[in-house]
Amino acid sequence: MFSFNMFDHPIPRAFQNRFSTQYRCYSVSMLAGPNDRSDVEKGGKIIMPPSALDQLSRLNITYPMLFKLTNKNSDRMTHCGVLEFVADEGICYLPHWMMQNLLLEEGGLVQVESVNLMVATYSKFQPQSPDFLDITNPKAVLENALRNFACLTTGDVIAINYNEKIYELRVMETKPDKAVSIIECDMNVDFDAPLGYKEPERRYKVPEEPTEEEGDPGTWTDMDMRFRAFTGSGNRLDGKKKGIEPSPVPIDPSDIKRLGSVTTANRCTFFRGIPNYEYKVGRITFIRNSRPQPRKTAEDEDSEFIAFSGEGQSLRKKGGRKP
């Protein structure tokens, strides 16, 4: 008896676990149905037909399902995940930014293959417009947008939607490989300078030197003397003139001329209403009394108080006792 076995050379396991087929791709806007599928445009996942799910379930593939998309005509490739299996047979629906990366038109052929990718540890992005800098917290916005992505490929230009505006970012670098999975990973994110960004020129302010007119007290005579607040005099109800002198004392033009001849050391004493033109940043000048102190005379010096220099008084008279 003769035995014949046509499976003497079994198919390698690597080929058994591999999913590879061609589909005609269309953008999500071509997807038929009453529901709005704009959520597909905000991520990096595609929609495949139900036959793909049936074929994938028979293969011993790893989860999550990740695929490599290749346009053989332009030799462009990218990686993606799958969102649903509801497309028509022989058709798959891709986000618009993914079709642009693959240089695909509506109805073009794309090769879909199942792959296993390493988990991402680092990625670097370059915004394609300086408008991305207007976002208050770009890392938080990008982290929230990447939740709709399954993997990243170096060289791709992804699109994220924020505040009803689309921002494009180029994937400059990924580690540990050029294509990585970003599902349940701890990834460090870095940004490169946006495309077309120019750093603003720093202009240093040169301190202006005070002019002679500002620093010369002799020019203070040009001040307006028509009105000064709180310089009027008061009236008493009993008609007396005591204690009703105006305070502060009004400035007399002669006083201002006198200030023009004072030295720099004595310029710290100014009348109320005249600015201190000798002010320097970081220095505080306390004006204790704006009125000039009266000069001491010789009589005032003689009448100075001397402790324990008075005379004592006695209650008892010096004449002695009366008989």
C-alpha atoms as a PDB file:
ATOM      1  CA  MET A   1       0.000   0.000   0.000  1.00  0.00           C
ATOM      2  CA  PHE A   2       1.116   3.436  -0.787  1.00  0.00           C
ATOM      3  CA  SER A   3       0.402   6.508   1.276  1.00  0.00           C
ATOM      4  CA  PHE A   4       0.400   9.990  -0.130  1.00  0.00           C
ATOM      5  CA  ASN A   5       0.463  13.092   1.970  1.00  0.00           C
ATOM      6  CA  MET A   6       0.235  16.380   0.146  1.00  0.00           C
ATOM      7  CA  PHE A   7       1.047  18.321   3.338  1.00  0.00           C
ATOM      8  CA  ASP A   8       4.494  16.851   3.888  1.00  0.00           C
ATOM      9  CA  HIS A   9       5.845  20.422   3.821  1.00  0.00           C
ATOM     10  CA  PRO A  10       3.593  22.442   6.123  1.00  0.00           C
ATOM     11  CA  ILE A  11       3.099  26.155   5.546  1.00  0.00           C
ATOM     12  CA  PRO A  12       5.385  28.249   7.764  1.00  0.00           C
ATOM     13  CA  ARG A  13       3.659  29.755  10.783  1.00  0.00           C
ATOM     14  CA  ALA A  14       4.755  33.245   9.806  1.00  0.00           C
ATOM     15  CA  PHE A  15       2.591  33.074   6.716  1.00  0.00           C
ATOM     16  CA  GLN A  16      -0.344  31.600   8.622  1.00  0.00           C
ATOM     17  CA  ASN A  17      -0.505  34.606  10.949  1.00  0.00           C
ATOM     18  CA  ARG A  18      -0.212  37.192   8.212  1.00  0.00           C
ATOM     19  CA  PHE A  19      -3.139  39.133   6.799  1.00  0.00           C
ATOM     20  CA  SER A  20      -2.526  40.730   3.405  1.00  0.00           C
ATOM     21  CA  THR A  21      -5.031  41.945   0.829  1.00  0.00           C
ATOM     22  CA  GLN A  22      -5.831  44.849  -1.485  1.00  0.00           C
ATOM     23  CA  TYR A  23      -8.743  47.275  -1.188  1.00  0.00           C
ATOM     24  CA  ARG A  24     -10.020  50.283  -3.033  1.00  0.00           C
ATOM     25  CA  CYS A  25      -9.793  53.185  -0.641  1.00  0.00           C
ATOM     26  CA  TYR A  26     -12.122  56.137  -0.263  1.00  0.00           C
ATOM     27  CA  SER A  27     -12.282  59.049   2.127  1.00  0.00           C
ATOM     28  CA  VAL A  28     -14.697  58.968   5.066  1.00  0.00           C
ATOM     29  CA  SER A  29     -16.955  61.546   3.414  1.00  0.00           C
ATOM     30  CA  MET A  30     -17.860  58.848   0.864  1.00  0.00           C
ATOM     31  CA  LEU A  31     -19.106  56.498   3.574  1.00  0.00           C
ATOM     32  CA  ALA A  32     -22.822  55.836   3.098  1.00  0.00           C
ATOM     33  CA  GLY A  33     -25.128  56.147   6.074  1.00  0.00           C
ATOM     34  CA  PRO A  34     -27.203  58.661   8.017  1.00  0.00           C
ATOM     35  CA  ASN A  35     -24.674  58.989  10.834  1.00  0.00           C
ATOM     36  CA  ASP A  36     -21.927  61.569  10.754  1.00  0.00           C
ATOM     37  CA  ARG A  37     -18.537  59.826  10.822  1.00  0.00           C
ATOM     38  CA  SER A  38     -16.380  62.885  11.299  1.00  0.00           C
ATOM     39  CA  ASP A  39     -14.776  61.105  14.259  1.00  0.00           C
ATOM     40  CA  VAL A  40     -12.819  58.966  11.785  1.00  0.00           C
ATOM     41  CA  GLU A  41     -11.149  62.089  10.389  1.00  0.00           C
ATOM     42  CA  LYS A  42      -9.891  63.014  13.874  1.00  0.00           C
ATOM     43  CA  GLY A  43      -7.803  59.874  14.307  1.00  0.00           C
ATOM     44  CA  GLY A  44      -5.529  57.333  12.684  1.00  0.00           C
ATOM     45  CA  LYS A  45      -7.871  54.361  12.227  1.00  0.00           C
ATOM     46  CA  ILE A  46      -9.613  52.970   9.138  1.00  0.00           C
ATOM     47  CA  ILE A  47     -12.892  51.188   8.416  1.00  0.00           C
ATOM     48  CA  MET A  48     -12.645  47.745   6.788  1.00  0.00           C
ATOM     49  CA  PRO A  49     -15.229  45.266   5.384  1.00  0.00           C
ATOM     50  CA  PRO A  50     -16.709  42.412   7.495  1.00  0.00           C
ATOM     51  CA  SER A  51     -14.827  39.789   5.470  1.00  0.00           C
ATOM     52  CA  ALA A  52     -11.564  41.157   6.871  1.00  0.00           C
ATOM     53  CA  LEU A  53     -12.784  40.502  10.412  1.00  0.00           C
ATOM     54  CA  ASP A  54     -13.752  36.954   9.450  1.00  0.00           C
ATOM     55  CA  GLN A  55     -10.314  36.321   7.980  1.00  0.00           C
ATOM     56  CA  LEU A  56      -8.476  37.941  10.881  1.00  0.00           C
ATOM     57  CA  SER A  57     -10.381  35.873  13.432  1.00  0.00           C
ATOM     58  CA  ARG A  58      -9.096  32.678  11.811  1.00  0.00           C
ATOM     59  CA  LEU A  59      -5.511  33.837  12.080  1.00  0.00           C
ATOM     60  CA  ASN A  60      -3.463  33.761  15.231  1.00  0.00           C
ATOM     61  CA  ILE A  61      -2.730  37.507  15.239  1.00  0.00           C
ATOM     62  CA  THR A  62      -1.790  39.695  18.157  1.00  0.00           C
ATOM     63  CA  TYR A  63      -4.014  42.433  19.530  1.00  0.00           C
ATOM     64  CA  PRO A  64      -4.500  45.313  19.109  1.00  0.00           C
ATOM     65  CA  MET A  65      -4.828  44.903  15.346  1.00  0.00           C
ATOM     66  CA  LEU A  66      -2.316  47.097  13.551  1.00  0.00           C
ATOM     67  CA  PHE A  67      -1.902  47.344   9.784  1.00  0.00           C
ATOM     68  CA  LYS A  68       0.625  48.577   7.278  1.00  0.00           C
ATOM     69  CA  LEU A  69      -0.829  50.500   4.319  1.00  0.00           C
ATOM     70  CA  THR A  70       1.240  50.650   1.136  1.00  0.00           C
ATOM     71  CA  ASN A  71       0.696  52.466  -2.135  1.00  0.00           C
ATOM     72  CA  LYS A  72       2.770  50.447  -4.580  1.00  0.00           C
ATOM     73  CA  ASN A  73       2.446  53.054  -7.310  1.00  0.00           C
ATOM     74  CA  SER A  74       4.180  55.793  -5.292  1.00  0.00           C
ATOM     75  CA  ASP A  75       6.119  53.547  -2.891  1.00  0.00           C
ATOM     76  CA  ARG A  76       4.580  55.343   0.084  1.00  0.00           C
ATOM     77  CA  MET A  77       3.550  53.540   3.258  1.00  0.00           C
ATOM     78  CA  THR A  78       2.079  54.285   6.694  1.00  0.00           C
ATOM     79  CA  HIS A  79       0.595  52.410   9.648  1.00  0.00           C
ATOM     80  CA  CYS A  80      -2.848  52.523  11.230  1.00  0.00           C
ATOM     81  CA  GLY A  81      -5.385  50.747  13.403  1.00  0.00           C
ATOM     82  CA  VAL A  82      -8.926  49.614  12.622  1.00  0.00           C
ATOM     83  CA  LEU A  83     -12.063  51.291  13.976  1.00  0.00           C
ATOM     84  CA  GLU A  84     -14.922  49.202  12.579  1.00  0.00           C
ATOM     85  CA  PHE A  85     -15.691  46.436  10.063  1.00  0.00           C
ATOM     86  CA  VAL A  86     -18.752  47.951   8.366  1.00  0.00           C
ATOM     87  CA  ALA A  87     -17.424  48.926   4.933  1.00  0.00           C
ATOM     88  CA  ASP A  88     -18.637  47.408   1.680  1.00  0.00           C
ATOM     89  CA  GLU A  89     -16.735  44.392   0.388  1.00  0.00           C
ATOM     90  CA  GLY A  90     -13.525  45.288  -1.391  1.00  0.00           C
ATOM     91  CA  ILE A  91     -13.548  48.838  -0.001  1.00  0.00           C
ATOM     92  CA  CYS A  92     -11.896  50.517   2.969  1.00  0.00           C
ATOM     93  CA  TYR A  93     -12.328  54.077   4.232  1.00  0.00           C
ATOM     94  CA  LEU A  94      -9.333  56.187   5.280  1.00  0.00           C
ATOM     95  CA  PRO A  95      -8.968  59.616   6.898  1.00  0.00           C
ATOM     96  CA  HIS A  96      -8.216  62.354   4.424  1.00  0.00           C
ATOM     97  CA  TRP A  97      -4.770  63.155   5.884  1.00  0.00           C
ATOM     98  CA  MET A  98      -3.779  59.483   5.521  1.00  0.00           C
ATOM     99  CA  MET A  99      -4.747  59.450   1.839  1.00  0.00           C
ATOM    100  CA  GLN A 100      -2.611  62.564   1.334  1.00  0.00           C
ATOM    101  CA  ASN A 101       0.405  60.873   2.920  1.00  0.00           C
ATOM    102  CA  LEU A 102      -0.044  57.840   0.637  1.00  0.00           C
ATOM    103  CA  LEU A 103      -0.684  60.038  -2.439  1.00  0.00           C
ATOM    104  CA  LEU A 104      -3.930  58.164  -3.044  1.00  0.00           C
ATOM    105  CA  GLU A 105      -6.976  59.367  -4.955  1.00  0.00           C
ATOM    106  CA  GLU A 106     -10.573  58.265  -4.534  1.00  0.00           C
ATOM    107  CA  GLY A 107     -10.844  54.625  -5.622  1.00  0.00           C
ATOM    108  CA  GLY A 108      -7.094  53.974  -5.604  1.00  0.00           C
ATOM    109  CA  LEU A 109      -5.662  50.584  -4.640  1.00  0.00           C
ATOM    110  CA  VAL A 110      -3.952  50.174  -1.284  1.00  0.00           C
ATOM    111  CA  GLN A 111      -2.219  47.104   0.146  1.00  0.00           C
ATOM    112  CA  VAL A 112      -3.264  46.261   3.722  1.00  0.00           C
ATOM    113  CA  GLU A 113      -1.027  43.975   5.798  1.00  0.00           C
ATOM    114  CA  SER A 114      -1.170  43.051   9.485  1.00  0.00           C
ATOM    115  CA  VAL A 115       1.956  43.956  11.470  1.00  0.00           C
ATOM    116  CA  ASN A 116       3.319  43.917  15.016  1.00  0.00           C
ATOM    117  CA  LEU A 117       4.848  47.182  16.239  1.00  0.00           C
ATOM    118  CA  MET A 118       6.957  48.033  19.269  1.00  0.00           C
ATOM    119  CA  VAL A 119       5.545  50.262  21.985  1.00  0.00           C
ATOM    120  CA  ALA A 120       6.589  53.912  21.672  1.00  0.00           C
ATOM    121  CA  THR A 121       8.868  55.569  24.217  1.00  0.00           C
ATOM    122  CA  TYR A 122       9.624  58.890  22.478  1.00  0.00           C
ATOM    123  CA  SER A 123       8.243  60.986  19.629  1.00  0.00           C
ATOM    124  CA  LYS A 124       9.025  64.387  18.179  1.00  0.00           C
ATOM    125  CA  PHE A 125       6.604  66.561  16.219  1.00  0.00           C
ATOM    126  CA  GLN A 126       6.984  69.649  14.055  1.00  0.00           C
ATOM    127  CA  PRO A 127       3.904  71.868  13.630  1.00  0.00           C
ATOM    128  CA  GLN A 128       3.373  72.858  10.018  1.00  0.00           C
ATOM    129  CA  SER A 129       2.136  76.335  10.950  1.00  0.00           C
ATOM    130  CA  PRO A 130       3.142  78.915  13.597  1.00  0.00           C
ATOM    131  CA  ASP A 131      -0.555  79.094  14.563  1.00  0.00           C
ATOM    132  CA  PHE A 132       0.034  76.015  16.720  1.00  0.00           C
ATOM    133  CA  LEU A 133       1.904  78.256  19.186  1.00  0.00           C
ATOM    134  CA  ASP A 134      -1.368  80.068  19.965  1.00  0.00           C
ATOM    135  CA  ILE A 135      -2.558  77.002  21.900  1.00  0.00           C
ATOM    136  CA  THR A 136      -2.129  77.501  25.629  1.00  0.00           C
ATOM    137  CA  ASN A 137      -1.051  73.936  26.458  1.00  0.00           C
ATOM    138  CA  PRO A 138       0.013  72.173  23.224  1.00  0.00           C
ATOM    139  CA  LYS A 139       1.207  68.991  24.942  1.00  0.00           C
ATOM    140  CA  ALA A 140      -2.154  68.429  26.619  1.00  0.00           C
ATOM    141  CA  VAL A 141      -3.988  69.075  23.339  1.00  0.00           C
ATOM    142  CA  LEU A 142      -1.741  66.641  21.471  1.00  0.00           C
ATOM    143  CA  GLU A 143      -2.083  64.003  24.193  1.00  0.00           C
ATOM    144  CA  ASN A 144      -5.861  64.226  23.977  1.00  0.00           C
ATOM    145  CA  ALA A 145      -5.795  64.004  20.157  1.00  0.00           C
ATOM    146  CA  LEU A 146      -3.457  60.981  20.103  1.00  0.00           C
ATOM    147  CA  ARG A 147      -6.059  58.921  21.949  1.00  0.00           C
ATOM    148  CA  ASN A 148      -7.742  58.431  18.575  1.00  0.00           C
ATOM    149  CA  PHE A 149      -4.525  57.086  17.042  1.00  0.00           C
ATOM    150  CA  ALA A 150      -3.157  53.557  17.244  1.00  0.00           C
ATOM    151  CA  CYS A 151       0.367  54.054  15.877  1.00  0.00           C
ATOM    152  CA  LEU A 152       2.790  56.623  14.504  1.00  0.00           C
ATOM    153  CA  THR A 153       5.125  56.476  11.497  1.00  0.00           C
ATOM    154  CA  THR A 154       8.175  58.684  11.030  1.00  0.00           C
ATOM    155  CA  GLY A 155       7.624  61.108   8.148  1.00  0.00           C
ATOM    156  CA  ASP A 156       3.820  61.186   8.324  1.00  0.00           C
ATOM    157  CA  VAL A 157       1.897  64.434   8.605  1.00  0.00           C
ATOM    158  CA  ILE A 158      -0.984  63.870  10.989  1.00  0.00           C
ATOM    159  CA  ALA A 159      -3.941  66.211  11.478  1.00  0.00           C
ATOM    160  CA  ILE A 160      -5.592  67.059  14.801  1.00  0.00           C
ATOM    161  CA  ASN A 161      -8.738  69.082  15.396  1.00  0.00           C
ATOM    162  CA  TYR A 162      -8.840  71.674  18.169  1.00  0.00           C
ATOM    163  CA  ASN A 163     -11.394  74.462  18.627  1.00  0.00           C
ATOM    164  CA  GLU A 164     -12.886  73.775  15.189  1.00  0.00           C
ATOM    165  CA  LYS A 165      -9.479  74.276  13.573  1.00  0.00           C
ATOM    166  CA  ILE A 166      -7.237  71.648  11.980  1.00  0.00           C
ATOM    167  CA  TYR A 167      -3.535  71.645  12.883  1.00  0.00           C
ATOM    168  CA  GLU A 168      -1.032  69.546  10.946  1.00  0.00           C
ATOM    169  CA  LEU A 169       2.057  68.074  12.611  1.00  0.00           C
ATOM    170  CA  ARG A 170       4.886  66.144  11.002  1.00  0.00           C
ATOM    171  CA  VAL A 171       6.262  63.140  12.886  1.00  0.00           C
ATOM    172  CA  MET A 172       9.986  63.909  12.895  1.00  0.00           C
ATOM    173  CA  GLU A 173      11.215  61.042  15.057  1.00  0.00           C
ATOM    174  CA  THR A 174       9.897  57.986  16.907  1.00  0.00           C
ATOM    175  CA  LYS A 175      11.657  55.582  19.239  1.00  0.00           C
ATOM    176  CA  PRO A 176      12.507  52.720  19.458  1.00  0.00           C
ATOM    177  CA  ASP A 177      11.562  52.213  15.777  1.00  0.00           C
ATOM    178  CA  LYS A 178      10.383  54.249  12.787  1.00  0.00           C
ATOM    179  CA  ALA A 179       6.874  52.864  13.280  1.00  0.00           C
ATOM    180  CA  VAL A 180       5.584  52.452  16.836  1.00  0.00           C
ATOM    181  CA  SER A 181       2.375  51.624  18.668  1.00  0.00           C
ATOM    182  CA  ILE A 182       1.016  54.302  21.030  1.00  0.00           C
ATOM    183  CA  ILE A 183      -1.743  52.239  22.685  1.00  0.00           C
ATOM    184  CA  GLU A 184      -1.317  52.153  26.483  1.00  0.00           C
ATOM    185  CA  CYS A 185       2.222  53.516  26.428  1.00  0.00           C
ATOM    186  CA  ASP A 186       4.305  55.984  28.413  1.00  0.00           C
ATOM    187  CA  MET A 187       5.718  58.215  25.683  1.00  0.00           C
ATOM    188  CA  ASN A 188       7.810  61.369  25.980  1.00  0.00           C
ATOM    189  CA  VAL A 189       6.709  64.077  23.549  1.00  0.00           C
ATOM    190  CA  ASP A 190       8.906  66.848  22.180  1.00  0.00           C
ATOM    191  CA  PHE A 191       8.259  69.672  19.707  1.00  0.00           C
ATOM    192  CA  ASP A 192      10.436  71.137  17.006  1.00  0.00           C
ATOM    193  CA  ALA A 193      10.178  74.753  15.864  1.00  0.00           C
ATOM    194  CA  PRO A 194       7.095  75.253  13.651  1.00  0.00           C
ATOM    195  CA  LEU A 195       7.581  75.441   9.924  1.00  0.00           C
ATOM    196  CA  GLY A 196       8.163  79.082   8.926  1.00  0.00           C
ATOM    197  CA  TYR A 197       8.653  80.247  12.514  1.00  0.00           C
ATOM    198  CA  LYS A 198      11.011  83.180  13.139  1.00  0.00           C
ATOM    199  CA  GLU A 199      12.173  84.135  16.586  1.00  0.00           C
ATOM    200  CA  PRO A 200      11.277  87.709  17.509  1.00  0.00           C
ATOM    201  CA  GLU A 201      14.172  90.128  17.716  1.00  0.00           C
ATOM    202  CA  ARG A 202      15.003  91.243  21.202  1.00  0.00           C
ATOM    203  CA  ARG A 203      15.169  94.986  21.543  1.00  0.00           C
ATOM    204  CA  TYR A 204      17.026  96.301  24.529  1.00  0.00           C
ATOM    205  CA  LYS A 205      15.848  99.655  25.840  1.00  0.00           C
ATOM    206  CA  VAL A 206      18.629 102.190  26.196  1.00  0.00           C
ATOM    207  CA  PRO A 207      18.153 104.334  29.346  1.00  0.00           C
ATOM    208  CA  GLU A 208      17.511 107.882  28.347  1.00  0.00           C
ATOM    209  CA  GLU A 209      19.802 110.472  29.866  1.00  0.00           C
ATOM    210  CA  PRO A 210      18.037 113.364  31.575  1.00  0.00           C
ATOM    211  CA  THR A 211      18.178 116.574  29.623  1.00  0.00           C
ATOM    212  CA  GLU A 212      19.583 119.777  31.018  1.00  0.00           C
ATOM    213  CA  GLU A 213      16.138 121.289  31.266  1.00  0.00           C
ATOM    214  CA  GLU A 214      14.891 118.442  33.494  1.00  0.00           C
ATOM    215  CA  GLY A 215      17.958 118.381  35.754  1.00  0.00           C
ATOM    216  CA  ASP A 216      18.382 122.149  36.192  1.00  0.00           C
ATOM    217  CA  PRO A 217      16.342 123.438  39.174  1.00  0.00           C
ATOM    218  CA  GLY A 218      16.525 126.936  37.705  1.00  0.00           C
ATOM    219  CA  THR A 219      13.913 125.916  35.158  1.00  0.00           C
ATOM    220  CA  TRP A 220      11.369 125.173  37.883  1.00  0.00           C
ATOM    221  CA  THR A 221      10.216 128.781  37.724  1.00  0.00           C
ATOM    222  CA  ASP A 222       8.290 127.867  34.592  1.00  0.00           C
ATOM    223  CA  MET A 223       5.868 125.738  36.634  1.00  0.00           C
ATOM    224  CA  ASP A 224       2.224 126.668  36.578  1.00  0.00           C
ATOM    225  CA  MET A 225       1.469 128.627  39.774  1.00  0.00           C
ATOM    226  CA  ARG A 226      -2.201 129.299  39.074  1.00  0.00           C
ATOM    227  CA  PHE A 227      -3.655 126.408  41.103  1.00  0.00           C
ATOM    228  CA  ARG A 228      -2.366 124.186  43.907  1.00  0.00           C
ATOM    229  CA  ALA A 229      -4.590 121.785  45.775  1.00  0.00           C
ATOM    230  CA  PHE A 230      -5.173 122.205  49.535  1.00  0.00           C
ATOM    231  CA  THR A 231      -3.439 125.582  49.803  1.00  0.00           C
ATOM    232  CA  GLY A 232      -6.412 127.736  50.818  1.00  0.00           C
ATOM    233  CA  SER A 233      -6.996 129.326  54.221  1.00  0.00           C
ATOM    234  CA  GLY A 234      -9.794 128.583  56.727  1.00  0.00           C
ATOM    235  CA  ASN A 235     -12.141 130.742  58.803  1.00  0.00           C
ATOM    236  CA  ARG A 236     -13.144 130.241  62.415  1.00  0.00           C
ATOM    237  CA  LEU A 237     -16.707 130.589  63.668  1.00  0.00           C
ATOM    238  CA  ASP A 238     -15.607 132.930  66.513  1.00  0.00           C
ATOM    239  CA  GLY A 239     -13.875 135.273  64.075  1.00  0.00           C
ATOM    240  CA  LYS A 240     -10.398 134.786  65.476  1.00  0.00           C
ATOM    241  CA  LYS A 241      -7.439 134.542  63.102  1.00  0.00           C
ATOM    242  CA  LYS A 242      -5.437 132.116  65.234  1.00  0.00           C
ATOM    243  CA  GLY A 243      -4.590 128.726  63.751  1.00  0.00           C
ATOM    244  CA  ILE A 244      -6.061 129.337  60.296  1.00  0.00           C
ATOM    245  CA  GLU A 245      -2.838 129.646  58.344  1.00  0.00           C
ATOM    246  CA  PRO A 246      -2.900 127.645  55.113  1.00  0.00           C
ATOM    247  CA  SER A 247      -1.133 124.330  55.276  1.00  0.00           C
ATOM    248  CA  PRO A 248       0.990 123.570  53.393  1.00  0.00           C
ATOM    249  CA  VAL A 249       2.434 127.045  52.886  1.00  0.00           C
ATOM    250  CA  PRO A 250       2.006 128.175  49.252  1.00  0.00           C
ATOM    251  CA  ILE A 251       5.145 128.211  47.158  1.00  0.00           C
ATOM    252  CA  ASP A 252       6.546 131.585  46.435  1.00  0.00           C
ATOM    253  CA  PRO A 253       8.409 131.999  43.106  1.00  0.00           C
ATOM    254  CA  SER A 254      11.329 133.405  45.095  1.00  0.00           C
ATOM    255  CA  ASP A 255      11.634 130.110  46.940  1.00  0.00           C
ATOM    256  CA  ILE A 256      11.925 128.266  43.654  1.00  0.00           C
ATOM    257  CA  LYS A 257      14.676 130.600  42.505  1.00  0.00           C
ATOM    258  CA  ARG A 258      16.435 130.012  45.803  1.00  0.00           C
ATOM    259  CA  LEU A 259      16.303 126.251  45.167  1.00  0.00           C
ATOM    260  CA  GLY A 260      18.083 126.775  41.867  1.00  0.00           C
ATOM    261  CA  SER A 261      21.250 127.761  43.724  1.00  0.00           C
ATOM    262  CA  VAL A 262      21.327 124.887  46.240  1.00  0.00           C
ATOM    263  CA  THR A 263      23.938 122.157  45.953  1.00  0.00           C
ATOM    264  CA  THR A 264      23.232 118.584  44.973  1.00  0.00           C
ATOM    265  CA  ALA A 265      23.668 117.391  48.553  1.00  0.00           C
ATOM    266  CA  ASN A 266      20.878 119.686  49.779  1.00  0.00           C
ATOM    267  CA  ARG A 267      18.421 118.983  46.967  1.00  0.00           C
ATOM    268  CA  CYS A 268      16.709 116.244  48.918  1.00  0.00           C
ATOM    269  CA  THR A 269      14.641 118.891  50.785  1.00  0.00           C
ATOM    270  CA  PHE A 270      11.884 120.040  48.431  1.00  0.00           C
ATOM    271  CA  PHE A 271       8.658 121.889  48.898  1.00  0.00           C
ATOM    272  CA  ARG A 272       5.423 120.023  48.485  1.00  0.00           C
ATOM    273  CA  GLY A 273       4.436 119.749  44.856  1.00  0.00           C
ATOM    274  CA  ILE A 274       7.952 119.851  43.405  1.00  0.00           C
ATOM    275  CA  PRO A 275       9.211 116.470  42.146  1.00  0.00           C
ATOM    276  CA  ASN A 276      12.548 115.076  43.158  1.00  0.00           C
ATOM    277  CA  TYR A 277      14.584 115.207  39.967  1.00  0.00           C
ATOM    278  CA  GLU A 278      17.493 113.478  41.666  1.00  0.00           C
ATOM    279  CA  TYR A 279      15.430 110.266  42.164  1.00  0.00           C
ATOM    280  CA  LYS A 280      17.241 107.016  41.385  1.00  0.00           C
ATOM    281  CA  VAL A 281      15.712 103.560  41.023  1.00  0.00           C
ATOM    282  CA  GLY A 282      16.116 101.555  44.219  1.00  0.00           C
ATOM    283  CA  ARG A 283      16.639 104.617  46.428  1.00  0.00           C
ATOM    284  CA  ILE A 284      14.002 105.987  48.789  1.00  0.00           C
ATOM    285  CA  THR A 285      14.165 109.536  50.170  1.00  0.00           C
ATOM    286  CA  PHE A 286      12.112 110.359  53.254  1.00  0.00           C
ATOM    287  CA  ILE A 287      11.149 114.035  53.616  1.00  0.00           C
ATOM    288  CA  ARG A 288      10.508 114.556  57.306  1.00  0.00           C
ATOM    289  CA  ASN A 289       9.721 118.238  57.238  1.00  0.00           C
ATOM    290  CA  SER A 290       9.340 120.411  54.174  1.00  0.00           C
ATOM    291  CA  ARG A 291       9.520 123.697  56.085  1.00  0.00           C
ATOM    292  CA  PRO A 292      12.913 125.339  56.737  1.00  0.00           C
ATOM    293  CA  GLN A 293      14.093 125.132  60.318  1.00  0.00           C
ATOM    294  CA  PRO A 294      14.527 128.495  62.173  1.00  0.00           C
ATOM    295  CA  ARG A 295      18.078 129.569  62.799  1.00  0.00           C
ATOM    296  CA  LYS A 296      19.302 129.595  66.391  1.00  0.00           C
ATOM    297  CA  THR A 297      20.386 132.906  67.908  1.00  0.00           C
ATOM    298  CA  ALA A 298      22.785 133.693  70.750  1.00  0.00           C
ATOM    299  CA  GLU A 299      19.899 134.214  73.192  1.00  0.00           C
ATOM    300  CA  ASP A 300      18.498 130.800  72.377  1.00  0.00           C
ATOM    301  CA  GLU A 301      21.855 129.227  73.066  1.00  0.00           C
ATOM    302  CA  ASP A 302      22.049 130.972  76.500  1.00  0.00           C
ATOM    303  CA  SER A 303      18.531 129.904  77.411  1.00  0.00           C
ATOM    304  CA  GLU A 304      19.161 126.237  76.771  1.00  0.00           C
ATOM    305  CA  PHE A 305      17.914 123.845  79.440  1.00  0.00           C
ATOM    306  CA  ILE A 306      20.509 122.650  81.980  1.00  0.00           C
ATOM    307  CA  ALA A 307      19.504 119.824  84.277  1.00  0.00           C
ATOM    308  CA  PHE A 308      19.527 120.419  88.052  1.00  0.00           C
ATOM    309  CA  SER A 309      20.471 124.102  87.687  1.00  0.00           C
ATOM    310  CA  GLY A 310      17.352 125.677  89.288  1.00  0.00           C
ATOM    311  CA  GLU A 311      16.876 127.109  92.759  1.00  0.00           C
ATOM    312  CA  GLY A 312      14.965 125.446  95.521  1.00  0.00           C
ATOM    313  CA  GLN A 313      12.134 126.956  97.621  1.00  0.00           C
ATOM    314  CA  SER A 314      11.382 126.400 101.266  1.00  0.00           C
ATOM    315  CA  LEU A 315       8.031 126.620 103.054  1.00  0.00           C
ATOM    316  CA  ARG A 316       9.714 127.889 106.235  1.00  0.00           C
ATOM    317  CA  LYS A 317      10.812 131.559 106.269  1.00  0.00           C
ATOM    318  CA  LYS A 318      14.367 132.530 107.229  1.00  0.00           C
ATOM    319  CA  GLY A 319      13.499 135.015 110.073  1.00  0.00           C
ATOM    320  CA  GLY A 320      13.173 132.320 112.725  1.00  0.00           C
ATOM    321  CA  ARG A 321      10.256 131.658 115.013  1.00  0.00           C
ATOM    322  CA  LYS A 322       8.139 134.512 116.493  1.00  0.00           C
ATOM    323  CA  PRO A 323       8.114 134.968 120.310  1.00  0.00           C
END
